[in-house]
Amino acid sequence: MPRPMRNNGIIERYRTHMPVSDDTCIISLNEGSTPLVPARALSAAIHPKLEIHLKYEGLNPTGSFKDRGMTMAITKAVEEKYEVVMCASTGNT
């Protein structure tokens, strides 16, 4: 099974492109850097020269692609001094 790359979270990785300052306290579980996994059988079933890769987001800390967006949402909520945050979910990660 592929292993995630070690990282400091997606905000730190793309900090210069994110709405954060040097003073922003980044809230992170070190999400992101999930591997691209070759989907050889799927590729071959569609076309012999096609290469399809799937992003393995289940290796994020909570097992969900939502970790990527929620790190920024929580970081900004803390920066704005919110005391309560909620995230609606339908249970499908």
N, C-alpha and C. Protein backbone atom coordinates (compact mmCIF):
# COMPACT_ATOMS: atom_id res chain seq x y z
N MET A 1 0.84 -1.18 0.00
CA MET A 1 0.00 0.00 0.00
C MET A 1 0.89 1.24 0.00
N PRO A 2 0.56 2.25 -0.81
CA PRO A 2 1.37 3.48 -0.84
C PRO A 2 1.32 4.20 0.50
N ARG A 3 2.38 4.85 0.82
CA ARG A 3 2.44 5.63 2.05
C ARG A 3 2.42 7.12 1.70
N PRO A 4 1.77 7.93 2.55
CA PRO A 4 1.77 9.36 2.28
C PRO A 4 3.16 9.95 2.49
N MET A 5 3.45 11.01 1.78
CA MET A 5 4.73 11.69 1.95
C MET A 5 4.67 12.47 3.26
N ARG A 6 5.79 12.60 3.93
CA ARG A 6 5.83 13.41 5.14
C ARG A 6 5.68 14.87 4.72
N ASN A 7 4.92 15.63 5.51
CA ASN A 7 4.68 17.01 5.14
C ASN A 7 4.29 17.81 6.36
N ASN A 8 4.15 19.10 6.16
CA ASN A 8 3.72 20.01 7.21
C ASN A 8 2.32 20.52 6.95
N GLY A 9 1.57 19.83 6.13
CA GLY A 9 0.22 20.25 5.82
C GLY A 9 0.16 21.07 4.55
N ILE A 10 -1.01 21.09 3.99
CA ILE A 10 -1.19 21.72 2.69
C ILE A 10 -1.05 23.24 2.73
N ILE A 11 -1.43 23.87 3.85
CA ILE A 11 -1.30 25.33 3.93
C ILE A 11 0.16 25.73 3.90
N GLU A 12 1.00 25.06 4.67
CA GLU A 12 2.43 25.38 4.65
C GLU A 12 3.02 25.14 3.27
N ARG A 13 2.60 24.08 2.63
CA ARG A 13 3.14 23.75 1.31
C ARG A 13 2.83 24.84 0.28
N TYR A 14 1.62 25.39 0.36
CA TYR A 14 1.19 26.40 -0.62
C TYR A 14 0.96 27.76 0.03
N ARG A 15 1.65 28.02 1.12
CA ARG A 15 1.44 29.23 1.92
C ARG A 15 1.45 30.52 1.09
N THR A 16 2.35 30.63 0.13
CA THR A 16 2.44 31.87 -0.65
C THR A 16 1.21 32.10 -1.53
N HIS A 17 0.40 31.07 -1.71
CA HIS A 17 -0.80 31.18 -2.54
C HIS A 17 -2.08 31.18 -1.70
N MET A 18 -1.94 31.15 -0.39
CA MET A 18 -3.09 31.04 0.51
C MET A 18 -3.34 32.38 1.21
N PRO A 19 -4.59 32.59 1.68
CA PRO A 19 -4.91 33.83 2.38
C PRO A 19 -4.48 33.80 3.85
N VAL A 20 -3.18 33.63 4.06
CA VAL A 20 -2.62 33.63 5.42
C VAL A 20 -1.42 34.57 5.46
N SER A 21 -1.12 35.06 6.65
CA SER A 21 0.05 35.92 6.83
C SER A 21 1.10 35.17 7.63
N ASP A 22 2.23 35.82 7.83
CA ASP A 22 3.28 35.20 8.64
C ASP A 22 2.83 35.02 10.09
N ASP A 23 1.84 35.81 10.52
CA ASP A 23 1.34 35.73 11.89
C ASP A 23 0.22 34.71 12.07
N THR A 24 -0.29 34.16 10.98
CA THR A 24 -1.40 33.22 11.06
C THR A 24 -0.95 31.92 11.73
N CYS A 25 -1.71 31.50 12.73
CA CYS A 25 -1.45 30.22 13.40
C CYS A 25 -2.13 29.13 12.57
N ILE A 26 -1.36 28.30 11.92
CA ILE A 26 -1.88 27.26 11.04
C ILE A 26 -2.38 26.08 11.87
N ILE A 27 -3.63 25.70 11.67
CA ILE A 27 -4.21 24.53 12.33
C ILE A 27 -4.18 23.39 11.32
N SER A 28 -3.43 22.35 11.61
CA SER A 28 -3.22 21.29 10.63
C SER A 28 -3.02 19.94 11.31
N LEU A 29 -3.46 18.91 10.62
CA LEU A 29 -3.17 17.53 11.02
C LEU A 29 -2.17 16.91 10.04
N ASN A 30 -1.46 17.77 9.33
CA ASN A 30 -0.50 17.35 8.29
C ASN A 30 -1.20 16.63 7.14
N GLU A 31 -2.32 17.21 6.72
CA GLU A 31 -3.09 16.67 5.61
C GLU A 31 -2.38 16.95 4.29
N GLY A 32 -2.84 16.29 3.27
CA GLY A 32 -2.28 16.49 1.93
C GLY A 32 -1.14 15.54 1.65
N SER A 33 -0.49 15.74 0.54
CA SER A 33 0.62 14.90 0.08
C SER A 33 0.21 13.43 -0.02
N THR A 34 -1.04 13.18 -0.33
CA THR A 34 -1.49 11.81 -0.55
C THR A 34 -0.99 11.35 -1.92
N PRO A 35 -0.71 10.07 -2.06
CA PRO A 35 -0.10 9.60 -3.31
C PRO A 35 -1.08 9.48 -4.47
N LEU A 36 -0.51 9.56 -5.66
CA LEU A 36 -1.23 9.20 -6.88
C LEU A 36 -0.93 7.73 -7.14
N VAL A 37 -1.97 6.94 -7.26
CA VAL A 37 -1.82 5.50 -7.43
C VAL A 37 -2.20 5.11 -8.86
N PRO A 38 -1.32 4.41 -9.58
CA PRO A 38 -1.67 4.00 -10.95
C PRO A 38 -2.86 3.04 -10.94
N ALA A 39 -3.82 3.31 -11.81
CA ALA A 39 -5.00 2.45 -11.96
C ALA A 39 -4.82 1.67 -13.26
N ARG A 40 -3.92 0.71 -13.23
CA ARG A 40 -3.53 -0.01 -14.45
C ARG A 40 -4.68 -0.76 -15.11
N ALA A 41 -5.47 -1.47 -14.32
CA ALA A 41 -6.59 -2.24 -14.90
C ALA A 41 -7.61 -1.31 -15.54
N LEU A 42 -7.93 -0.22 -14.87
CA LEU A 42 -8.88 0.74 -15.43
C LEU A 42 -8.32 1.37 -16.70
N SER A 43 -7.06 1.75 -16.66
CA SER A 43 -6.41 2.32 -17.85
C SER A 43 -6.48 1.35 -19.02
N ALA A 44 -6.10 0.11 -18.79
CA ALA A 44 -6.07 -0.90 -19.85
C ALA A 44 -7.47 -1.17 -20.40
N ALA A 45 -8.47 -1.12 -19.54
CA ALA A 45 -9.84 -1.37 -19.98
C ALA A 45 -10.36 -0.27 -20.90
N ILE A 46 -9.81 0.93 -20.77
CA ILE A 46 -10.26 2.05 -21.59
C ILE A 46 -9.45 2.17 -22.87
N HIS A 47 -8.13 2.12 -22.73
CA HIS A 47 -7.24 2.25 -23.90
C HIS A 47 -5.86 1.76 -23.50
N PRO A 48 -5.20 0.98 -24.35
CA PRO A 48 -3.90 0.40 -23.98
C PRO A 48 -2.80 1.42 -23.71
N LYS A 49 -2.90 2.61 -24.26
CA LYS A 49 -1.85 3.62 -24.05
C LYS A 49 -2.24 4.66 -23.00
N LEU A 50 -3.38 4.48 -22.39
CA LEU A 50 -3.87 5.43 -21.40
C LEU A 50 -3.26 5.13 -20.02
N GLU A 51 -2.87 6.18 -19.31
CA GLU A 51 -2.38 6.04 -17.94
C GLU A 51 -3.27 6.85 -17.01
N ILE A 52 -4.03 6.16 -16.19
CA ILE A 52 -4.90 6.82 -15.21
C ILE A 52 -4.29 6.63 -13.84
N HIS A 53 -4.26 7.71 -13.07
CA HIS A 53 -3.81 7.66 -11.68
C HIS A 53 -4.95 8.18 -10.81
N LEU A 54 -5.10 7.59 -9.64
CA LEU A 54 -6.13 8.00 -8.70
C LEU A 54 -5.47 8.58 -7.45
N LYS A 55 -6.02 9.68 -6.96
CA LYS A 55 -5.50 10.31 -5.75
C LYS A 55 -6.05 9.55 -4.54
N TYR A 56 -5.18 9.06 -3.70
CA TYR A 56 -5.56 8.22 -2.55
C TYR A 56 -5.81 9.11 -1.33
N GLU A 57 -6.94 9.79 -1.32
CA GLU A 57 -7.25 10.74 -0.26
C GLU A 57 -7.59 10.06 1.06
N GLY A 58 -7.83 8.77 1.05
CA GLY A 58 -8.09 8.04 2.28
C GLY A 58 -6.91 8.01 3.23
N LEU A 59 -5.74 8.43 2.76
CA LEU A 59 -4.56 8.48 3.63
C LEU A 59 -4.43 9.82 4.35
N ASN A 60 -5.40 10.72 4.15
CA ASN A 60 -5.42 11.95 4.95
C ASN A 60 -5.71 11.57 6.40
N PRO A 61 -5.42 12.44 7.36
CA PRO A 61 -5.56 12.10 8.78
C PRO A 61 -6.94 11.56 9.19
N THR A 62 -8.02 12.09 8.63
CA THR A 62 -9.35 11.59 8.99
C THR A 62 -9.90 10.66 7.91
N GLY A 63 -9.10 10.34 6.92
CA GLY A 63 -9.53 9.44 5.86
C GLY A 63 -10.40 10.10 4.81
N SER A 64 -10.39 11.42 4.75
CA SER A 64 -11.29 12.13 3.85
C SER A 64 -10.58 13.22 3.07
N PHE A 65 -11.05 13.46 1.85
CA PHE A 65 -10.55 14.58 1.05
C PHE A 65 -10.90 15.91 1.71
N LYS A 66 -11.89 15.92 2.59
CA LYS A 66 -12.33 17.16 3.24
C LYS A 66 -11.26 17.75 4.14
N ASP A 67 -10.29 16.96 4.54
CA ASP A 67 -9.20 17.48 5.38
C ASP A 67 -8.50 18.65 4.71
N ARG A 68 -8.37 18.60 3.40
CA ARG A 68 -7.67 19.66 2.67
C ARG A 68 -8.34 21.02 2.84
N GLY A 69 -9.65 21.06 2.71
CA GLY A 69 -10.37 22.32 2.85
C GLY A 69 -10.58 22.74 4.29
N MET A 70 -10.80 21.76 5.15
CA MET A 70 -11.10 22.09 6.55
C MET A 70 -9.91 22.67 7.28
N THR A 71 -8.70 22.33 6.88
CA THR A 71 -7.54 22.93 7.56
C THR A 71 -7.54 24.45 7.38
N MET A 72 -7.91 24.92 6.18
CA MET A 72 -7.99 26.37 5.96
C MET A 72 -9.19 26.96 6.69
N ALA A 73 -10.33 26.27 6.65
CA ALA A 73 -11.53 26.78 7.33
C ALA A 73 -11.28 26.95 8.83
N ILE A 74 -10.67 25.97 9.45
CA ILE A 74 -10.41 26.04 10.90
C ILE A 74 -9.33 27.07 11.20
N THR A 75 -8.30 27.12 10.38
CA THR A 75 -7.24 28.13 10.55
C THR A 75 -7.83 29.53 10.53
N LYS A 76 -8.70 29.81 9.56
CA LYS A 76 -9.30 31.14 9.45
C LYS A 76 -10.30 31.39 10.59
N ALA A 77 -11.01 30.37 11.02
CA ALA A 77 -11.94 30.53 12.15
C ALA A 77 -11.18 30.91 13.42
N VAL A 78 -10.05 30.25 13.66
CA VAL A 78 -9.22 30.58 14.82
C VAL A 78 -8.68 32.00 14.69
N GLU A 79 -8.22 32.35 13.50
CA GLU A 79 -7.68 33.69 13.26
C GLU A 79 -8.73 34.77 13.53
N GLU A 80 -9.98 34.47 13.20
CA GLU A 80 -11.08 35.42 13.40
C GLU A 80 -11.70 35.32 14.80
N LYS A 81 -11.10 34.48 15.64
CA LYS A 81 -11.51 34.31 17.05
C LYS A 81 -12.88 33.65 17.22
N TYR A 82 -13.28 32.82 16.27
CA TYR A 82 -14.51 32.05 16.44
C TYR A 82 -14.29 31.04 17.57
N GLU A 83 -15.32 30.79 18.34
CA GLU A 83 -15.23 29.83 19.43
C GLU A 83 -15.85 28.49 19.09
N VAL A 84 -16.71 28.46 18.08
CA VAL A 84 -17.40 27.24 17.68
C VAL A 84 -17.38 27.14 16.16
N VAL A 85 -17.12 25.95 15.66
CA VAL A 85 -17.21 25.69 14.22
C VAL A 85 -17.95 24.37 14.02
N MET A 86 -18.62 24.25 12.88
CA MET A 86 -19.31 23.01 12.55
C MET A 86 -19.04 22.69 11.09
N CYS A 87 -19.06 21.42 10.77
CA CYS A 87 -18.90 20.98 9.39
C CYS A 87 -20.02 19.99 9.09
N ALA A 88 -20.88 20.35 8.16
CA ALA A 88 -21.95 19.44 7.76
C ALA A 88 -21.36 18.32 6.92
N SER A 89 -21.87 17.12 7.11
CA SER A 89 -21.41 15.99 6.33
C SER A 89 -22.56 15.03 6.10
N THR A 90 -22.58 14.44 4.93
CA THR A 90 -23.60 13.43 4.64
C THR A 90 -23.09 12.04 4.94
N GLY A 91 -21.88 11.96 5.48
CA GLY A 91 -21.33 10.67 5.87
C GLY A 91 -20.63 9.92 4.76
N ASN A 92 -20.44 10.56 3.63
CA ASN A 92 -19.79 9.88 2.51
C ASN A 92 -18.35 10.34 2.34
N THR A 93 -17.71 10.71 3.40
CA THR A 93 -16.38 11.31 3.45
C THR A 93 -16.39 12.57 2.65
